Amino acid sequence: MLDLLTPLSLHGLTLRNRIVMPPMWSGQATADGLVTNGIIDYHRRRAAAGCGMIIVEHAFVHPRGRHSATQIGVHADAAISGLGRLAQAITREGAVACLQISHAGSRASARITGCRPLAPSAIRHPYEPEGDVPEAMAGQVVAEVIQAFGDAAARARAAGFHAVEIHAAHGFLLGQFLSPLTNRRNDEYGGPVENRYRLHLAVLAEVLARVSAGYPVFVRLGAHDETPGGLELDDACRAATALAAAGAALIDVSGGLQGSRGVGKGAAYFVPYAQAIKTAVDVPVMVTGGIGEADLADRAVREGWADLVGVGRAMLNDPGWAAKAIEHLSRTRAS
């Protein structure tokens, strides 16, 4: 029977187990978005504890898509050197290194970027009440954003990351396109769900074209807005199916147009979304959200809820979580 400690072969990669550190912002980048020693140590310690894969915190692909002043970037060639040291530190500890690439859309602010934020429509983000009213993206701007994701993926690969993950959750730009709350367009990117995930497919295609054949590209998908009038699970399953068919190597399931802020839902709160998407796609599925106990993470794999488990807050609070989980589960198997 498969369990949390079973290795996983994934699109040419071999993970020593199915424990994943999901992307968690550490707030330690330089003013230019460059990697610091603090960021390297933050990820290295968790890799050293025995994670199968580390997905490095979201890196902005374009200056106008920067979410915070201390967010790392993959927006320029100057970022490659530091990212390379980060990827190498993770790899030396035996974990697969993946970089999440993102654009904040209307969750960016002029205070950080110096520019009005971009979004599918000129609608303030529902969970950024003090935020700027964004600029609705015209066709040329859409094309520039697609290219920026491709450029970022090429830099991540050049830096030595084994995979990249496209951030399409938590109310960031791609999530804004998918949500009927933030996407009021009447062109080919608006209206029916097939149009609202059209940008996802275009970004995925560009990223795949810019990395070598066989290079794994993941998508972190917000499976439900958890907000009245927002994205529902059925439409998210349709988007996941299309993304998997278009070449996504893994669907990393999350939820909430606001992310997980203030969820208060108890344990394993995104598992129902992951189960539905796992039924809809033929690629591995990862789940995060409220999974902080080793036995629960193990159960998620043993019972087929997901193929990999992201342990967020528990690992944020305890860099050695993976080592303790491995010891506990190994001892349980032996008894």
Protein backbone atom coordinates (compact mmCIF):
# COMPACT_ATOMS: atom_id res chain seq x y z
CA MET A 1 0.00 0.00 0.00
CA LEU A 2 1.23 3.49 -0.84
CA ASP A 3 1.82 5.80 2.10
CA LEU A 4 3.46 9.11 2.95
CA LEU A 5 6.94 7.57 3.00
CA THR A 6 6.63 5.81 -0.36
CA PRO A 7 8.93 7.36 -2.99
CA LEU A 8 7.21 8.92 -5.99
CA SER A 9 8.36 9.07 -9.59
CA LEU A 10 6.95 12.23 -11.08
CA HIS A 11 7.59 13.26 -14.66
CA GLY A 12 11.23 12.21 -14.57
CA LEU A 13 11.78 13.23 -10.95
CA THR A 14 12.16 10.88 -8.00
CA LEU A 15 10.91 12.13 -4.65
CA ARG A 16 12.23 10.20 -1.65
CA ASN A 17 8.81 10.51 0.01
CA ARG A 18 5.54 12.39 -0.46
CA ILE A 19 6.11 15.09 2.15
CA VAL A 20 6.19 18.53 0.54
CA MET A 21 6.98 21.91 1.97
CA PRO A 22 4.48 24.12 0.12
CA PRO A 23 5.36 27.67 -0.91
CA MET A 24 5.34 29.85 2.20
CA TRP A 25 6.49 33.46 2.01
CA SER A 26 9.37 34.19 4.37
CA GLY A 27 9.62 37.94 3.81
CA GLN A 28 13.41 38.06 3.58
CA ALA A 29 14.21 39.18 0.02
CA THR A 30 16.20 42.28 -0.80
CA ALA A 31 14.59 45.47 -2.09
CA ASP A 32 15.45 44.25 -5.60
CA GLY A 33 13.71 40.90 -4.99
CA LEU A 34 16.95 38.95 -4.71
CA VAL A 35 17.54 35.85 -2.60
CA THR A 36 19.27 36.33 0.76
CA ASN A 37 21.13 33.92 3.01
CA GLY A 38 18.11 33.94 5.30
CA ILE A 39 15.89 32.61 2.52
CA ILE A 40 18.42 29.92 1.67
CA ASP A 41 18.70 28.76 5.29
CA TYR A 42 14.90 28.85 5.73
CA HIS A 43 14.42 26.35 2.91
CA ARG A 44 17.59 24.34 3.47
CA ARG A 45 16.65 23.47 7.06
CA ARG A 46 13.33 22.02 5.99
CA ALA A 47 14.92 20.10 3.13
CA ALA A 48 17.49 18.69 5.55
CA ALA A 49 14.66 17.39 7.75
CA GLY A 50 13.73 14.96 4.98
CA CYS A 51 11.07 16.54 2.75
CA GLY A 52 10.63 14.88 -0.59
CA MET A 53 10.13 18.24 -2.29
CA ILE A 54 10.47 21.91 -1.42
CA ILE A 55 8.29 24.35 -3.38
CA VAL A 56 9.97 27.70 -2.88
CA GLU A 57 7.78 30.66 -1.97
CA HIS A 58 6.11 32.56 -4.79
CA ALA A 59 8.51 34.55 -6.94
CA PHE A 60 7.15 37.45 -8.96
CA VAL A 61 7.57 37.18 -12.73
CA HIS A 62 7.21 40.90 -13.51
CA PRO A 63 7.80 44.05 -11.43
CA ARG A 64 4.12 45.04 -11.76
CA GLY A 65 3.13 41.66 -10.32
CA ARG A 66 5.10 41.99 -7.09
CA HIS A 67 2.98 41.37 -4.00
CA SER A 68 5.24 42.64 -1.22
CA ALA A 69 8.47 44.57 -0.76
CA THR A 70 10.18 41.48 0.67
CA GLN A 71 9.02 38.97 -1.96
CA ILE A 72 11.64 37.20 -4.05
CA GLY A 73 11.63 37.71 -7.80
CA VAL A 74 12.42 35.72 -10.90
CA HIS A 75 11.73 38.78 -13.03
CA ALA A 76 15.27 39.49 -14.24
CA ASP A 77 18.45 37.65 -15.08
CA ALA A 78 20.08 39.28 -12.05
CA ALA A 79 17.96 36.96 -9.88
CA ILE A 80 19.42 33.75 -11.33
CA SER A 81 22.59 33.64 -9.27
CA GLY A 82 20.83 33.81 -5.89
CA LEU A 83 18.11 31.45 -7.01
CA GLY A 84 20.85 29.06 -8.10
CA ARG A 85 22.39 29.07 -4.63
CA LEU A 86 18.93 28.40 -3.19
CA ALA A 87 18.19 25.50 -5.55
CA GLN A 88 21.62 24.01 -4.86
CA ALA A 89 21.14 24.21 -1.09
CA ILE A 90 17.84 22.35 -1.33
CA THR A 91 19.21 19.73 -3.71
CA ARG A 92 22.27 19.05 -1.54
CA GLU A 93 19.91 18.04 1.27
CA GLY A 94 18.26 15.42 -0.94
CA ALA A 95 14.99 17.19 -1.79
CA VAL A 96 13.55 18.07 -5.17
CA ALA A 97 13.64 21.86 -5.67
CA CYS A 98 10.66 23.58 -7.31
CA LEU A 99 10.08 27.33 -7.71
CA GLN A 100 6.58 28.79 -7.67
CA ILE A 101 6.19 31.67 -10.13
CA SER A 102 3.45 34.23 -9.70
CA HIS A 103 1.84 37.54 -10.62
CA ALA A 104 -0.22 39.25 -7.92
CA GLY A 105 -2.60 41.06 -10.25
CA SER A 106 -4.89 43.31 -8.21
CA ARG A 107 -3.24 42.06 -5.00
CA ALA A 108 -0.25 44.19 -5.96
CA SER A 109 -0.24 47.88 -5.05
CA ALA A 110 1.17 51.09 -6.42
CA ARG A 111 2.85 51.62 -3.04
CA ILE A 112 5.07 48.58 -3.77
CA THR A 113 5.41 48.64 -7.54
CA GLY A 114 5.05 52.32 -8.36
CA CYS A 115 2.37 51.42 -10.90
CA ARG A 116 -1.36 50.83 -10.89
CA PRO A 117 -2.03 47.08 -10.47
CA LEU A 118 -3.16 44.91 -13.37
CA ALA A 119 -6.20 42.63 -13.32
CA PRO A 120 -8.72 41.05 -15.67
CA SER A 121 -11.20 43.83 -14.86
CA ALA A 122 -11.06 47.21 -13.14
CA ILE A 123 -12.47 45.77 -9.91
CA ARG A 124 -10.82 46.14 -6.52
CA HIS A 125 -9.88 42.76 -5.07
CA PRO A 126 -12.67 41.57 -2.71
CA TYR A 127 -10.15 40.82 0.04
CA GLU A 128 -8.05 43.95 -0.45
CA PRO A 129 -10.59 46.60 0.65
CA GLU A 130 -7.90 49.26 0.95
CA GLY A 131 -6.27 48.19 -2.31
CA ASP A 132 -5.98 50.10 -5.55
CA VAL A 133 -8.58 49.81 -8.27
CA PRO A 134 -6.63 47.92 -10.93
CA GLU A 135 -6.19 48.54 -14.61
CA ALA A 136 -8.08 46.11 -16.83
CA MET A 137 -5.50 44.28 -18.92
CA ALA A 138 -5.57 45.02 -22.64
CA GLY A 139 -4.48 42.45 -25.21
CA GLN A 140 -0.87 43.60 -25.42
CA VAL A 141 -0.53 43.56 -21.64
CA VAL A 142 -1.95 40.03 -21.53
CA ALA A 143 0.70 38.97 -24.05
CA GLU A 144 3.44 40.61 -21.96
CA VAL A 145 2.32 38.76 -18.84
CA ILE A 146 2.28 35.43 -20.68
CA GLN A 147 5.82 36.08 -21.89
CA ALA A 148 6.89 37.11 -18.38
CA PHE A 149 5.82 33.71 -17.03
CA GLY A 150 7.79 32.01 -19.78
CA ASP A 151 10.88 34.12 -19.11
CA ALA A 152 10.60 33.34 -15.40
CA ALA A 153 10.38 29.61 -16.00
CA ALA A 154 13.46 29.71 -18.21
CA ARG A 155 15.36 31.52 -15.44
CA ALA A 156 14.20 29.00 -12.83
CA ARG A 157 15.47 26.16 -14.96
CA ALA A 158 18.77 27.97 -15.57
CA ALA A 159 19.10 28.40 -11.81
CA GLY A 160 18.89 24.65 -11.30
CA PHE A 161 15.34 24.13 -10.09
CA HIS A 162 13.95 20.71 -10.99
CA ALA A 163 10.44 22.05 -11.67
CA VAL A 164 8.33 25.19 -11.64
CA GLU A 165 4.85 25.73 -10.28
CA ILE A 166 2.48 28.28 -11.81
CA HIS A 167 0.56 30.09 -9.06
CA ALA A 168 -3.14 30.13 -9.94
CA ALA A 169 -4.61 30.29 -6.44
CA HIS A 170 -5.27 32.61 -3.49
CA GLY A 171 -6.72 35.42 -5.53
CA PHE A 172 -3.54 36.15 -7.48
CA LEU A 173 -3.74 37.10 -11.15
CA LEU A 174 -4.64 33.74 -12.68
CA GLY A 175 -7.11 33.10 -9.89
CA GLN A 176 -8.63 36.51 -10.64
CA PHE A 177 -9.15 35.48 -14.26
CA LEU A 178 -10.84 32.24 -13.17
CA SER A 179 -13.15 33.88 -10.63
CA PRO A 180 -16.45 35.36 -11.83
CA LEU A 181 -16.14 37.86 -8.97
CA THR A 182 -13.05 39.51 -10.42
CA ASN A 183 -13.37 38.69 -14.12
CA ARG A 184 -16.11 40.70 -15.82
CA ARG A 185 -14.53 40.68 -19.27
CA ASN A 186 -16.61 40.21 -22.44
CA ASP A 187 -13.74 39.09 -24.69
CA GLU A 188 -12.15 35.66 -25.16
CA TYR A 189 -10.91 35.70 -21.54
CA GLY A 190 -14.30 36.31 -19.92
CA GLY A 191 -17.70 34.73 -19.52
CA PRO A 192 -17.84 30.92 -19.62
CA VAL A 193 -15.32 29.05 -17.51
CA GLU A 194 -13.53 27.83 -20.64
CA ASN A 195 -12.74 31.45 -21.41
CA ARG A 196 -11.80 32.28 -17.83
CA TYR A 197 -9.10 29.60 -17.77
CA ARG A 198 -7.87 30.47 -21.26
CA LEU A 199 -5.03 32.54 -19.76
CA HIS A 200 -4.01 29.57 -17.59
CA LEU A 201 -3.61 27.45 -20.71
CA ALA A 202 -1.71 30.20 -22.53
CA VAL A 203 0.69 30.64 -19.60
CA LEU A 204 1.18 26.88 -19.31
CA ALA A 205 1.87 26.58 -23.03
CA GLU A 206 4.41 29.41 -22.92
CA VAL A 207 6.17 27.94 -19.89
CA LEU A 208 6.33 24.49 -21.46
CA ALA A 209 7.74 26.01 -24.64
CA ARG A 210 10.49 27.81 -22.72
CA VAL A 211 11.80 24.85 -20.72
CA SER A 212 13.31 21.62 -21.99
CA ALA A 213 11.14 18.73 -23.12
CA GLY A 214 10.09 16.68 -20.13
CA TYR A 215 10.72 19.47 -17.62
CA PRO A 216 7.91 19.27 -15.02
CA VAL A 217 5.50 22.18 -14.77
CA PHE A 218 2.98 22.17 -11.92
CA VAL A 219 -0.09 24.33 -11.35
CA ARG A 220 -1.31 25.43 -7.96
CA LEU A 221 -5.03 25.76 -8.53
CA GLY A 222 -7.53 27.54 -6.34
CA ALA A 223 -10.38 25.02 -6.41
CA HIS A 224 -13.06 27.16 -4.78
CA ASP A 225 -13.31 30.87 -4.00
CA GLU A 226 -15.16 30.19 -0.73
CA THR A 227 -16.91 33.48 -1.36
CA PRO A 228 -20.54 33.92 -2.46
CA GLY A 229 -20.78 34.33 -6.23
CA GLY A 230 -17.26 33.10 -6.76
CA LEU A 231 -15.63 30.06 -8.35
CA GLU A 232 -17.23 26.71 -7.53
CA LEU A 233 -15.63 23.27 -7.46
CA ASP A 234 -17.25 21.98 -10.67
CA ASP A 235 -15.67 24.75 -12.74
CA ALA A 236 -12.33 24.24 -11.00
CA CYS A 237 -12.46 20.54 -11.95
CA ARG A 238 -13.01 21.54 -15.56
CA ALA A 239 -10.02 23.86 -15.40
CA ALA A 240 -7.88 21.14 -13.79
CA THR A 241 -8.87 18.64 -16.48
CA ALA A 242 -7.89 21.10 -19.22
CA LEU A 243 -4.58 21.93 -17.55
CA ALA A 244 -3.65 18.27 -17.10
CA ALA A 245 -4.54 17.55 -20.73
CA ALA A 246 -2.37 20.51 -21.80
CA GLY A 247 0.72 19.20 -20.02
CA ALA A 248 0.59 20.14 -16.35
CA ALA A 249 2.55 17.45 -14.52
CA LEU A 250 0.83 17.97 -11.16
CA ILE A 251 -2.18 19.84 -9.80
CA ASP A 252 -1.48 21.37 -6.39
CA VAL A 253 -4.91 21.95 -4.84
CA SER A 254 -5.64 24.92 -2.63
CA GLY A 255 -8.61 27.22 -2.19
CA GLY A 256 -9.95 30.54 -1.06
CA LEU A 257 -9.90 33.75 -3.08
CA GLN A 258 -8.29 35.18 0.05
CA GLY A 259 -5.93 32.23 0.53
CA SER A 260 -6.10 30.49 3.88
CA ARG A 261 -6.28 33.63 5.98
CA GLY A 262 -8.63 33.13 8.90
CA VAL A 263 -9.90 29.79 7.66
CA GLY A 264 -10.57 28.26 11.10
CA LYS A 265 -11.92 25.10 9.52
CA GLY A 266 -10.15 22.41 11.48
CA ALA A 267 -8.04 19.71 9.87
CA ALA A 268 -7.55 18.84 6.19
CA TYR A 269 -9.99 21.47 4.97
CA PHE A 270 -9.03 21.32 1.28
CA VAL A 271 -9.17 17.51 1.05
CA PRO A 272 -12.69 17.44 -0.49
CA TYR A 273 -11.43 19.69 -3.31
CA ALA A 274 -8.39 17.47 -3.87
CA GLN A 275 -10.54 14.33 -3.96
CA ALA A 276 -12.81 15.84 -6.61
CA ILE A 277 -9.89 17.01 -8.75
CA LYS A 278 -8.08 13.69 -8.34
CA THR A 279 -11.12 12.00 -9.84
CA ALA A 280 -11.10 14.44 -12.77
CA VAL A 281 -7.41 14.27 -13.80
CA ASP A 282 -4.86 11.60 -14.64
CA VAL A 283 -1.84 13.38 -13.15
CA PRO A 284 -0.70 13.42 -9.51
CA VAL A 285 -2.57 15.68 -7.12
CA MET A 286 -1.17 17.43 -4.07
CA VAL A 287 -3.21 18.76 -1.15
CA THR A 288 -2.37 21.26 1.58
CA GLY A 289 -4.43 22.98 4.24
CA GLY A 290 -4.80 22.05 7.88
CA ILE A 291 -2.63 18.94 7.74
CA GLY A 292 -0.19 19.13 10.61
CA GLU A 293 -0.20 15.63 12.07
CA ALA A 294 1.96 12.88 10.57
CA ASP A 295 -0.78 10.27 10.84
CA LEU A 296 -3.27 12.50 9.03
CA ALA A 297 -0.77 13.24 6.25
CA ASP A 298 -0.08 9.53 5.95
CA ARG A 299 -3.79 8.76 5.80
CA ALA A 300 -4.24 11.26 2.95
CA VAL A 301 -1.96 9.12 0.77
CA ARG A 302 -3.03 5.69 2.06
CA GLU A 303 -6.71 6.44 1.47
CA GLY A 304 -6.09 8.02 -1.93
CA TRP A 305 -7.17 11.55 -1.08
CA ALA A 306 -4.04 12.86 -2.81
CA ASP A 307 -0.67 11.68 -4.07
CA LEU A 308 1.44 14.21 -2.15
CA VAL A 309 0.82 16.23 0.98
CA GLY A 310 1.92 19.78 1.63
CA VAL A 311 2.51 20.57 5.30
CA GLY A 312 2.44 24.31 5.73
CA ARG A 313 1.95 25.90 9.13
CA ALA A 314 3.27 22.93 11.08
CA MET A 315 6.48 22.99 9.06
CA LEU A 316 6.66 26.77 9.29
CA ASN A 317 6.56 26.48 13.07
CA ASP A 318 8.91 23.49 13.22
CA PRO A 319 11.64 23.16 10.57
CA GLY A 320 12.26 19.59 11.76
CA TRP A 321 8.66 18.46 11.24
CA ALA A 322 9.50 16.08 8.39
CA ALA A 323 12.21 14.27 10.39
CA LYS A 324 9.84 13.77 13.31
CA ALA A 325 7.07 12.55 11.02
CA ILE A 326 9.38 10.10 9.29
CA GLU A 327 10.62 8.76 12.63
CA HIS A 328 7.07 8.42 13.97
CA LEU A 329 5.70 6.66 10.91
CA SER A 330 8.72 4.38 10.60
CA ARG A 331 8.36 3.37 14.24
CA THR A 332 4.65 2.76 13.73
CA ARG A 333 5.35 0.52 10.71
CA ALA A 334 7.88 -1.49 12.68
CA SER A 335 5.65 -2.11 15.69
